Amino acid sequence: MVKTLRESKAKLSELVERASQGEDVLITVRGKVKARLTRAGAPTDMADRQAWVARLRKLQKTFTRGKPKASIEEILAETRKDFWEE
């Protein structure tokens, strides 16, 4: 949905409610998009964070103090493999 700034000011409560239900609201000024209203804390955000934490923990296990368990080349190859599999 696209609304002008003037329309947005007049109907802010309605637009916030629609955004909270998952609809993106674009706000324009002189025909150019200047802002976006979107749902806060969308469920996918938490899933992305959990996946990132899991990947970080996996990488942490690859390293130890002193000599690493894997070479730099192996670490990079594993990271690239994980990236392309997602």
Protein backbone atom coordinates (compact mmCIF):
# COMPACT_ATOMS: atom_id res chain seq x y z
CA MET A 1 0.00 0.00 0.00
CA VAL A 2 1.28 3.47 -0.84
CA LYS A 3 0.11 6.59 0.99
CA THR A 4 1.21 10.20 0.87
CA LEU A 5 2.57 11.82 3.99
CA ARG A 6 -0.60 13.91 4.32
CA GLU A 7 -2.82 10.79 4.11
CA SER A 8 -0.54 8.97 6.55
CA LYS A 9 -0.85 11.70 9.15
CA ALA A 10 -4.63 11.61 8.94
CA LYS A 11 -4.86 7.80 9.17
CA LEU A 12 -1.81 6.83 11.22
CA SER A 13 -3.70 4.52 13.61
CA GLU A 14 -5.21 2.59 10.71
CA LEU A 15 -1.87 2.31 8.91
CA VAL A 16 -0.09 1.08 12.05
CA GLU A 17 -2.78 -1.56 12.52
CA ARG A 18 -2.44 -2.73 8.91
CA ALA A 19 1.35 -2.85 9.23
CA SER A 20 1.07 -4.87 12.45
CA GLN A 21 -0.94 -7.43 10.48
CA GLY A 22 1.92 -7.84 7.98
CA GLU A 23 1.05 -5.32 5.27
CA ASP A 24 3.91 -3.01 4.25
CA VAL A 25 2.87 0.63 3.99
CA LEU A 26 5.04 2.91 1.86
CA ILE A 27 4.88 6.63 2.63
CA THR A 28 5.66 9.09 -0.15
CA VAL A 29 6.63 12.74 -0.23
CA ARG A 30 6.21 14.49 -3.57
CA GLY A 31 5.84 11.15 -5.32
CA LYS A 32 9.01 9.56 -3.90
CA VAL A 33 9.00 6.79 -1.30
CA LYS A 34 10.53 8.19 1.89
CA ALA A 35 9.55 5.63 4.56
CA ARG A 36 8.09 2.19 5.14
CA LEU A 37 5.82 1.03 7.94
CA THR A 38 6.24 -2.68 8.58
CA ARG A 39 5.44 -5.18 11.32
CA ALA A 40 7.89 -5.05 14.22
CA GLY A 41 9.54 -8.26 15.36
CA ALA A 42 8.28 -10.44 12.54
CA PRO A 43 8.57 -14.16 13.41
CA THR A 44 11.09 -14.71 10.62
CA ASP A 45 13.48 -12.32 12.37
CA MET A 46 13.75 -14.68 15.35
CA ALA A 47 14.22 -17.70 13.11
CA ASP A 48 17.01 -15.89 11.24
CA ARG A 49 18.74 -15.01 14.53
CA GLN A 50 18.51 -18.58 15.78
CA ALA A 51 19.96 -19.91 12.52
CA TRP A 52 22.78 -17.34 12.71
CA VAL A 53 23.58 -18.32 16.31
CA ALA A 54 23.65 -22.01 15.35
CA ARG A 55 26.05 -21.29 12.47
CA LEU A 56 28.25 -19.18 14.75
CA ARG A 57 28.43 -21.94 17.36
CA LYS A 58 29.37 -24.44 14.66
CA LEU A 59 32.19 -22.16 13.52
CA GLN A 60 33.37 -21.65 17.10
CA LYS A 61 33.74 -25.41 17.53
CA THR A 62 36.08 -25.43 14.53
CA PHE A 63 38.65 -23.35 16.43
CA THR A 64 40.66 -24.05 19.56
CA ARG A 65 43.34 -22.07 21.33
CA GLY A 66 46.68 -22.55 19.66
CA LYS A 67 46.52 -24.70 16.56
CA PRO A 68 43.11 -24.72 14.82
CA LYS A 69 41.37 -28.02 14.09
CA ALA A 70 41.10 -27.07 10.44
CA SER A 71 43.21 -25.11 7.98
CA ILE A 72 42.11 -21.72 6.71
CA GLU A 73 41.24 -23.31 3.38
CA GLU A 74 39.03 -25.94 5.07
CA ILE A 75 37.26 -23.29 7.16
CA LEU A 76 36.57 -21.13 4.10
CA ALA A 77 35.37 -24.14 2.10
CA GLU A 78 33.00 -25.17 4.90
CA THR A 79 31.67 -21.62 5.27
CA ARG A 80 31.05 -21.34 1.52
CA LYS A 81 29.38 -24.75 1.49
CA ASP A 82 27.04 -23.73 4.34
CA PHE A 83 26.23 -20.44 2.62
CA TRP A 84 25.24 -22.03 -0.69
CA GLU A 85 23.19 -24.79 0.93
CA GLU A 86 20.79 -22.36 2.60
